[in-house]
PDB file of N, CA and C in Angstrom:
ATOM      1  N   MET A   1       0.801  -1.359   0.204  1.00  0.00           N
ATOM      2  CA  MET A   1      -0.086   0.092   0.071  1.00  0.00           C
ATOM      3  C   MET A   1       0.922   1.389   0.049  1.00  0.00           C
ATOM      4  N   LYS A   2       2.042   1.090   0.663  1.00  0.00           N
ATOM      5  CA  LYS A   2       2.841   2.393   0.840  1.00  0.00           C
ATOM      6  C   LYS A   2       3.229   2.740  -0.619  1.00  0.00           C
ATOM      7  N   ASN A   3       3.433   1.800  -1.673  1.00  0.00           N
ATOM      8  CA  ASN A   3       3.939   1.961  -2.755  1.00  0.00           C
ATOM      9  C   ASN A   3       3.012   2.902  -3.529  1.00  0.00           C
ATOM     10  N   LYS A   4       1.593   2.404  -3.210  1.00  0.00           N
ATOM     11  CA  LYS A   4       0.790   2.981  -4.247  1.00  0.00           C
ATOM     12  C   LYS A   4       0.279   4.356  -3.669  1.00  0.00           C
ATOM     13  N   VAL A   5       0.432   4.983  -2.259  1.00  0.00           N
ATOM     14  CA  VAL A   5       0.374   5.928  -2.000  1.00  0.00           C
ATOM     15  C   VAL A   5       1.603   6.933  -2.464  1.00  0.00           C
ATOM     16  N   MET A   6       2.696   6.295  -2.614  1.00  0.00           N
ATOM     17  CA  MET A   6       3.982   7.206  -2.910  1.00  0.00           C
ATOM     18  C   MET A   6       3.596   7.375  -4.479  1.00  0.00           C
ATOM     19  N   GLU A   7       3.127   6.537  -5.215  1.00  0.00           N
ATOM     20  CA  GLU A   7       2.926   6.638  -6.399  1.00  0.00           C
ATOM     21  C   GLU A   7       1.787   7.704  -6.756  1.00  0.00           C
ATOM     22  N   ASN A   8       0.670   7.800  -5.919  1.00  0.00           N
ATOM     23  CA  ASN A   8      -0.273   8.872  -6.195  1.00  0.00           C
ATOM     24  C   ASN A   8       0.434  10.072  -5.798  1.00  0.00           C
ATOM     25  N   PHE A   9       1.222  10.110  -4.970  1.00  0.00           N
ATOM     26  CA  PHE A   9       1.766  11.396  -4.388  1.00  0.00           C
ATOM     27  C   PHE A   9       2.954  12.056  -5.371  1.00  0.00           C
ATOM     28  N   ILE A  10       3.674  11.023  -5.650  1.00  0.00           N
ATOM     29  CA  ILE A  10       5.124  11.565  -6.327  1.00  0.00           C
ATOM     30  C   ILE A  10       4.495  11.559  -7.864  1.00  0.00           C
ATOM     31  N   ASP A  11       4.117  10.620  -8.492  1.00  0.00           N
ATOM     32  CA  ASP A  11       4.099  10.440  -9.916  1.00  0.00           C
ATOM     33  C   ASP A  11       2.757  11.189 -10.473  1.00  0.00           C
ATOM     34  N   ASN A  12       1.605  10.934  -9.615  1.00  0.00           N
ATOM     35  CA  ASN A  12       0.239  11.572  -9.753  1.00  0.00           C
ATOM     36  C   ASN A  12      -0.151  12.858  -9.463  1.00  0.00           C
ATOM     37  N   ASN A  13       0.732  13.424  -8.702  1.00  0.00           N
ATOM     38  CA  ASN A  13       0.687  14.938  -8.076  1.00  0.00           C
ATOM     39  C   ASN A  13      -0.779  14.990  -7.424  1.00  0.00           C
ATOM     40  N   TYR A  14      -0.965  13.803  -6.447  1.00  0.00           N
ATOM     41  CA  TYR A  14      -2.438  14.027  -5.581  1.00  0.00           C
ATOM     42  C   TYR A  14      -1.935  14.643  -4.444  1.00  0.00           C
ATOM     43  N   ASN A  15      -2.674  15.205  -4.138  1.00  0.00           N
ATOM     44  CA  ASN A  15      -2.297  15.580  -2.538  1.00  0.00           C
ATOM     45  C   ASN A  15      -2.246  14.676  -1.364  1.00  0.00           C
ATOM     46  N   CYS A  16      -1.767  15.099  -0.400  1.00  0.00           N
ATOM     47  CA  CYS A  16      -1.617  14.132   0.519  1.00  0.00           C
ATOM     48  C   CYS A  16      -2.755  13.239   1.008  1.00  0.00           C
ATOM     49  N   CYS A  17      -3.944  13.901   1.330  1.00  0.00           N
ATOM     50  CA  CYS A  17      -5.132  13.169   1.371  1.00  0.00           C
ATOM     51  C   CYS A  17      -5.251  12.408   0.376  1.00  0.00           C
ATOM     52  N   GLN A  18      -5.595  12.750  -0.903  1.00  0.00           N
ATOM     53  CA  GLN A  18      -5.812  11.890  -2.037  1.00  0.00           C
ATOM     54  C   GLN A  18      -4.840  10.542  -2.367  1.00  0.00           C
ATOM     55  N   ALA A  19      -3.805  11.013  -1.926  1.00  0.00           N
ATOM     56  CA  ALA A  19      -2.825   9.850  -2.079  1.00  0.00           C
ATOM     57  C   ALA A  19      -3.260   8.728  -1.108  1.00  0.00           C
ATOM     58  N   ILE A  20      -3.489   8.865   0.074  1.00  0.00           N
ATOM     59  CA  ILE A  20      -3.806   8.011   1.009  1.00  0.00           C
ATOM     60  C   ILE A  20      -5.109   7.332   0.632  1.00  0.00           C
ATOM     61  N   VAL A  21      -5.944   8.314   0.482  1.00  0.00           N
ATOM     62  CA  VAL A  21      -7.547   7.649   0.609  1.00  0.00           C
ATOM     63  C   VAL A  21      -7.396   6.889  -0.752  1.00  0.00           C
ATOM     64  N   CYS A  22      -7.095   7.331  -2.041  1.00  0.00           N
ATOM     65  CA  CYS A  22      -7.338   6.774  -3.169  1.00  0.00           C
ATOM     66  C   CYS A  22      -6.475   5.279  -3.299  1.00  0.00           C
ATOM     67  N   ALA A  23      -5.433   5.428  -2.376  1.00  0.00           N
ATOM     68  CA  ALA A  23      -4.615   4.073  -2.368  1.00  0.00           C
ATOM     69  C   ALA A  23      -5.553   2.699  -1.791  1.00  0.00           C
ATOM     70  N   TYR A  24      -6.471   3.174  -0.961  1.00  0.00           N
ATOM     71  CA  TYR A  24      -7.174   2.356  -0.366  1.00  0.00           C
ATOM     72  C   TYR A  24      -8.800   2.015  -1.064  1.00  0.00           C
ATOM     73  N   CYS A  25      -8.897   2.912  -2.105  1.00  0.00           N
ATOM     74  CA  CYS A  25     -10.300   2.760  -2.667  1.00  0.00           C
ATOM     75  C   CYS A  25     -10.839   1.115  -3.003  1.00  0.00           C
ATOM     76  N   GLU A  26      -9.813   0.148  -3.574  1.00  0.00           N
ATOM     77  CA  GLU A  26     -10.282  -0.788  -4.089  1.00  0.00           C
ATOM     78  C   GLU A  26     -10.668  -1.942  -3.024  1.00  0.00           C
ATOM     79  N   GLU A  27      -9.927  -1.707  -1.693  1.00  0.00           N
ATOM     80  CA  GLU A  27     -10.076  -2.258  -0.466  1.00  0.00           C
ATOM     81  C   GLU A  27     -11.518  -2.039   0.125  1.00  0.00           C
ATOM     82  N   LEU A  28     -12.027  -0.741   0.096  1.00  0.00           N
ATOM     83  CA  LEU A  28     -12.831  -0.196   0.565  1.00  0.00           C
ATOM     84  C   LEU A  28     -14.315  -0.358  -0.191  1.00  0.00           C
ATOM     85  N   GLY A  29     -14.093  -0.710  -1.536  1.00  0.00           N
ATOM     86  CA  GLY A  29     -15.144  -0.641  -2.435  1.00  0.00           C
ATOM     87  C   GLY A  29     -15.747   0.776  -2.916  1.00  0.00           C
ATOM     88  N   LEU A  30     -14.855   1.899  -2.957  1.00  0.00           N
ATOM     89  CA  LEU A  30     -15.076   3.110  -3.061  1.00  0.00           C
ATOM     90  C   LEU A  30     -14.495   3.499  -4.654  1.00  0.00           C
ATOM     91  N   SER A  31     -15.138   4.136  -5.250  1.00  0.00           N
ATOM     92  CA  SER A  31     -14.756   4.682  -6.708  1.00  0.00           C
ATOM     93  C   SER A  31     -13.569   5.708  -6.450  1.00  0.00           C
ATOM     94  N   GLU A  32     -12.453   5.522  -6.880  1.00  0.00           N
ATOM     95  CA  GLU A  32     -11.356   6.516  -7.040  1.00  0.00           C
ATOM     96  C   GLU A  32     -11.664   7.965  -7.419  1.00  0.00           C
ATOM     97  N   ASP A  33     -12.525   7.809  -8.402  1.00  0.00           N
ATOM     98  CA  ASP A  33     -13.057   9.322  -8.885  1.00  0.00           C
ATOM     99  C   ASP A  33     -13.632   9.766  -8.019  1.00  0.00           C
ATOM    100  N   VAL A  34     -14.557   9.361  -6.958  1.00  0.00           N
ATOM    101  CA  VAL A  34     -15.164  10.001  -5.932  1.00  0.00           C
ATOM    102  C   VAL A  34     -14.455  10.205  -4.800  1.00  0.00           C
ATOM    103  N   ALA A  35     -13.663   9.321  -4.673  1.00  0.00           N
ATOM    104  CA  ALA A  35     -12.359   9.782  -3.743  1.00  0.00           C
ATOM    105  C   ALA A  35     -11.589  10.963  -3.638  1.00  0.00           C
ATOM    106  N   PHE A  36     -11.338  10.969  -5.002  1.00  0.00           N
ATOM    107  CA  PHE A  36     -10.129  11.998  -5.468  1.00  0.00           C
ATOM    108  C   PHE A  36     -11.187  13.413  -5.393  1.00  0.00           C
ATOM    109  N   LYS A  37     -12.418  13.338  -5.781  1.00  0.00           N
ATOM    110  CA  LYS A  37     -12.970  14.531  -5.704  1.00  0.00           C
ATOM    111  C   LYS A  37     -13.174  14.961  -4.230  1.00  0.00           C
ATOM    112  N   LEU A  38     -13.652  14.078  -3.366  1.00  0.00           N
ATOM    113  CA  LEU A  38     -13.917  14.071  -2.085  1.00  0.00           C
ATOM    114  C   LEU A  38     -12.924  14.761  -1.034  1.00  0.00           C
ATOM    115  N   THR A  39     -11.739  14.265  -1.530  1.00  0.00           N
ATOM    116  CA  THR A  39     -10.475  14.780  -0.710  1.00  0.00           C
ATOM    117  C   THR A  39      -9.675  15.846  -1.278  1.00  0.00           C
ATOM    118  N   GLU A  40     -10.131  16.502  -2.532  1.00  0.00           N
ATOM    119  CA  GLU A  40      -9.292  17.446  -2.948  1.00  0.00           C
ATOM    120  C   GLU A  40      -9.118  18.606  -2.150  1.00  0.00           C
ATOM    121  N   GLY A  41     -10.128  19.200  -1.440  1.00  0.00           N
ATOM    122  CA  GLY A  41      -9.881  20.352  -0.444  1.00  0.00           C
ATOM    123  C   GLY A  41      -9.064  20.323   0.876  1.00  0.00           C
ATOM    124  N   PHE A  42      -8.605  19.004   0.853  1.00  0.00           N
ATOM    125  CA  PHE A  42      -7.881  18.524   1.930  1.00  0.00           C
ATOM    126  C   PHE A  42      -5.996  18.758   1.958  1.00  0.00           C
ATOM    127  N   GLY A  43      -5.929  19.182   0.438  1.00  0.00           N
ATOM    128  CA  GLY A  43      -4.583  19.328   0.252  1.00  0.00           C
ATOM    129  C   GLY A  43      -3.832  20.659   0.861  1.00  0.00           C
ATOM    130  N   SER A  44      -2.626  20.524   1.156  1.00  0.00           N
ATOM    131  CA  SER A  44      -1.960  21.435   1.696  1.00  0.00           C
ATOM    132  C   SER A  44      -2.266  21.788   2.945  1.00  0.00           C
ATOM    133  N   GLY A  45      -3.177  20.941   4.002  1.00  0.00           N
ATOM    134  CA  GLY A  45      -3.989  21.213   5.117  1.00  0.00           C
ATOM    135  C   GLY A  45      -5.166  21.456   4.750  1.00  0.00           C
ATOM    136  N   MET A  46      -6.141  21.677   5.240  1.00  0.00           N
ATOM    137  CA  MET A  46      -7.642  21.754   5.288  1.00  0.00           C
ATOM    138  C   MET A  46      -7.757  23.175   4.349  1.00  0.00           C
ATOM    139  N   GLY A  47      -8.361  23.344   3.344  1.00  0.00           N
ATOM    140  CA  GLY A  47      -8.382  24.305   2.380  1.00  0.00           C
ATOM    141  C   GLY A  47      -6.981  25.311   2.124  1.00  0.00           C
ATOM    142  N   GLY A  48      -6.010  24.841   2.170  1.00  0.00           N
ATOM    143  CA  GLY A  48      -4.576  25.185   1.758  1.00  0.00           C
ATOM    144  C   GLY A  48      -4.186  26.081   2.873  1.00  0.00           C
ATOM    145  N   LEU A  49      -4.794  25.747   3.976  1.00  0.00           N
ATOM    146  CA  LEU A  49      -4.231  26.553   5.349  1.00  0.00           C
ATOM    147  C   LEU A  49      -3.023  26.290   6.042  1.00  0.00           C
ATOM    148  N   ARG A  50      -2.606  25.216   5.594  1.00  0.00           N
ATOM    149  CA  ARG A  50      -1.094  24.479   6.061  1.00  0.00           C
ATOM    150  C   ARG A  50      -1.646  24.344   7.601  1.00  0.00           C
ATOM    151  N   ASP A  51      -2.505  23.860   8.009  1.00  0.00           N
ATOM    152  CA  ASP A  51      -2.865  23.387   9.517  1.00  0.00           C
ATOM    153  C   ASP A  51      -3.063  22.200   9.648  1.00  0.00           C
ATOM    154  N   THR A  52      -4.297  21.828   9.322  1.00  0.00           N
ATOM    155  CA  THR A  52      -4.699  20.209   9.748  1.00  0.00           C
ATOM    156  C   THR A  52      -4.254  19.343   8.513  1.00  0.00           C
ATOM    157  N   CYS A  53      -3.145  18.602   8.927  1.00  0.00           N
ATOM    158  CA  CYS A  53      -2.554  17.783   7.852  1.00  0.00           C
ATOM    159  C   CYS A  53      -3.318  16.847   7.082  1.00  0.00           C
ATOM    160  N   GLY A  54      -3.167  17.033   5.793  1.00  0.00           N
ATOM    161  CA  GLY A  54      -4.137  16.161   4.805  1.00  0.00           C
ATOM    162  C   GLY A  54      -3.924  14.761   4.959  1.00  0.00           C
ATOM    163  N   ALA A  55      -2.572  14.355   5.248  1.00  0.00           N
ATOM    164  CA  ALA A  55      -2.197  12.723   5.498  1.00  0.00           C
ATOM    165  C   ALA A  55      -2.832  12.434   6.702  1.00  0.00           C
ATOM    166  N   VAL A  56      -2.888  13.085   7.781  1.00  0.00           N
ATOM    167  CA  VAL A  56      -3.521  12.373   8.841  1.00  0.00           C
ATOM    168  C   VAL A  56      -5.227  12.418   8.703  1.00  0.00           C
ATOM    169  N   THR A  57      -5.868  13.542   7.824  1.00  0.00           N
ATOM    170  CA  THR A  57      -7.152  13.710   7.865  1.00  0.00           C
ATOM    171  C   THR A  57      -7.373  12.151   6.726  1.00  0.00           C
ATOM    172  N   GLY A  58      -6.649  11.836   5.657  1.00  0.00           N
ATOM    173  CA  GLY A  58      -7.072  10.844   5.009  1.00  0.00           C
ATOM    174  C   GLY A  58      -6.899   9.643   5.800  1.00  0.00           C
ATOM    175  N   MET A  59      -5.976   9.629   6.829  1.00  0.00           N
ATOM    176  CA  MET A  59      -5.829   8.358   7.627  1.00  0.00           C
ATOM    177  C   MET A  59      -7.163   8.124   8.046  1.00  0.00           C
ATOM    178  N   PHE A  60      -7.739   9.359   9.004  1.00  0.00           N
ATOM    179  CA  PHE A  60      -8.629   9.102   9.542  1.00  0.00           C
ATOM    180  C   PHE A  60     -10.252   8.709   8.536  1.00  0.00           C
ATOM    181  N   LEU A  61      -9.995   9.204   7.472  1.00  0.00           N
ATOM    182  CA  LEU A  61     -11.171   8.555   6.372  1.00  0.00           C
ATOM    183  C   LEU A  61     -11.027   7.257   6.216  1.00  0.00           C
ATOM    184  N   VAL A  62      -9.831   6.808   5.710  1.00  0.00           N
ATOM    185  CA  VAL A  62      -9.693   5.315   5.600  1.00  0.00           C
ATOM    186  C   VAL A  62     -10.057   4.433   6.790  1.00  0.00           C
ATOM    187  N   ILE A  63      -9.609   4.833   7.953  1.00  0.00           N
ATOM    188  CA  ILE A  63     -10.022   4.237   9.186  1.00  0.00           C
ATOM    189  C   ILE A  63     -11.608   4.083   9.228  1.00  0.00           C
ATOM    190  N   SER A  64     -12.073   5.395   9.259  1.00  0.00           N
ATOM    191  CA  SER A  64     -13.622   5.471   9.607  1.00  0.00           C
ATOM    192  C   SER A  64     -14.423   4.653   8.368  1.00  0.00           C
ATOM    193  N   LEU A  65     -13.958   4.525   6.840  1.00  0.00           N
ATOM    194  CA  LEU A  65     -14.523   3.773   5.955  1.00  0.00           C
ATOM    195  C   LEU A  65     -14.597   2.305   6.189  1.00  0.00           C
ATOM    196  N   ALA A  66     -13.298   1.947   6.774  1.00  0.00           N
ATOM    197  CA  ALA A  66     -13.265   0.400   7.130  1.00  0.00           C
ATOM    198  C   ALA A  66     -13.847  -0.024   8.579  1.00  0.00           C
ATOM    199  N   ASN A  67     -14.024   0.641   9.308  1.00  0.00           N
ATOM    200  CA  ASN A  67     -14.459   0.404  10.364  1.00  0.00           C
ATOM    201  C   ASN A  67     -16.007   0.668  10.762  1.00  0.00           C
ATOM    202  N   SER A  68     -16.427   1.690  10.460  1.00  0.00           N
ATOM    203  CA  SER A  68     -17.706   2.242  10.766  1.00  0.00           C
ATOM    204  C   SER A  68     -18.902   1.077  10.339  1.00  0.00           C
ATOM    205  N   ALA A  69     -19.965   0.768  11.388  1.00  0.00           N
ATOM    206  CA  ALA A  69     -20.991  -0.003  11.238  1.00  0.00           C
ATOM    207  C   ALA A  69     -22.002   0.425  10.290  1.00  0.00           C
ATOM    208  N   GLY A  70     -21.883   2.058  10.113  1.00  0.00           N
ATOM    209  CA  GLY A  70     -22.669   2.383   9.102  1.00  0.00           C
ATOM    210  C   GLY A  70     -23.807   2.550   9.379  1.00  0.00           C
ATOM    211  N   ASP A  71     -24.522   2.330  10.615  1.00  0.00           N
ATOM    212  CA  ASP A  71     -25.558   2.297  11.096  1.00  0.00           C
ATOM    213  C   ASP A  71     -26.302   3.644  11.447  1.00  0.00           C
ATOM    214  N   LYS A  72     -27.100   4.449  10.664  1.00  0.00           N
ATOM    215  CA  LYS A  72     -27.571   5.679  10.776  1.00  0.00           C
ATOM    216  C   LYS A  72     -28.678   5.564  11.877  1.00  0.00           C
ATOM    217  N   ASN A  73     -29.182   4.301  12.389  1.00  0.00           N
ATOM    218  CA  ASN A  73     -30.228   4.625  13.383  1.00  0.00           C
ATOM    219  C   ASN A  73     -29.249   4.477  14.452  1.00  0.00           C
ATOM    220  N   SER A  74     -28.126   3.954  14.888  1.00  0.00           N
ATOM    221  CA  SER A  74     -27.362   3.948  15.938  1.00  0.00           C
ATOM    222  C   SER A  74     -26.186   4.420  15.662  1.00  0.00           C
ATOM    223  N   PRO A  75     -25.854   5.594  15.586  1.00  0.00           N
ATOM    224  CA  PRO A  75     -24.484   6.436  15.172  1.00  0.00           C
ATOM    225  C   PRO A  75     -23.605   6.171  16.166  1.00  0.00           C
ATOM    226  N   LEU A  76     -23.819   5.923  17.331  1.00  0.00           N
ATOM    227  CA  LEU A  76     -22.536   5.509  18.252  1.00  0.00           C
ATOM    228  C   LEU A  76     -22.260   3.921  18.094  1.00  0.00           C
ATOM    229  N   LYS A  77     -22.824   3.213  17.372  1.00  0.00           N
ATOM    230  CA  LYS A  77     -22.480   1.693  17.577  1.00  0.00           C
ATOM    231  C   LYS A  77     -20.956   1.625  17.374  1.00  0.00           C
ATOM    232  N   SER A  78     -20.220   2.022  16.467  1.00  0.00           N
ATOM    233  CA  SER A  78     -19.107   1.788  16.132  1.00  0.00           C
ATOM    234  C   SER A  78     -17.932   2.870  16.344  1.00  0.00           C
ATOM    235  N   LYS A  79     -18.615   4.122  16.911  1.00  0.00           N
ATOM    236  CA  LYS A  79     -17.797   5.173  17.130  1.00  0.00           C
ATOM    237  C   LYS A  79     -16.688   5.163  17.724  1.00  0.00           C
ATOM    238  N   GLN A  80     -16.626   4.604  19.088  1.00  0.00           N
ATOM    239  CA  GLN A  80     -15.655   4.558  20.123  1.00  0.00           C
ATOM    240  C   GLN A  80     -14.342   3.687  19.296  1.00  0.00           C
ATOM    241  N   ASP A  81     -15.105   2.312  18.787  1.00  0.00           N
ATOM    242  CA  ASP A  81     -14.013   1.715  18.230  1.00  0.00           C
ATOM    243  C   ASP A  81     -13.157   2.369  17.144  1.00  0.00           C
ATOM    244  N   THR A  82     -13.834   3.027  16.183  1.00  0.00           N
ATOM    245  CA  THR A  82     -13.453   3.626  15.055  1.00  0.00           C
ATOM    246  C   THR A  82     -12.335   5.024  15.810  1.00  0.00           C
TER     247      THR A  82
END
């Protein structure tokens, strides 16, 4: 996975968040086109403010997608574990 992240970042010029989230798209059953668009605003820290790291944000997005129960009727079901 590390190689795919680096390929996305270095070779494809994805931002940090895009590089991470898009590397996991296949495993998560997520369209890379949608993930790319969804994570675009996290480049250079949220909104380009160089504050909140896009790589860390991407990590939390991937963990959430992988771990969430996705139960809108019981939103706390997997929150603590995630």
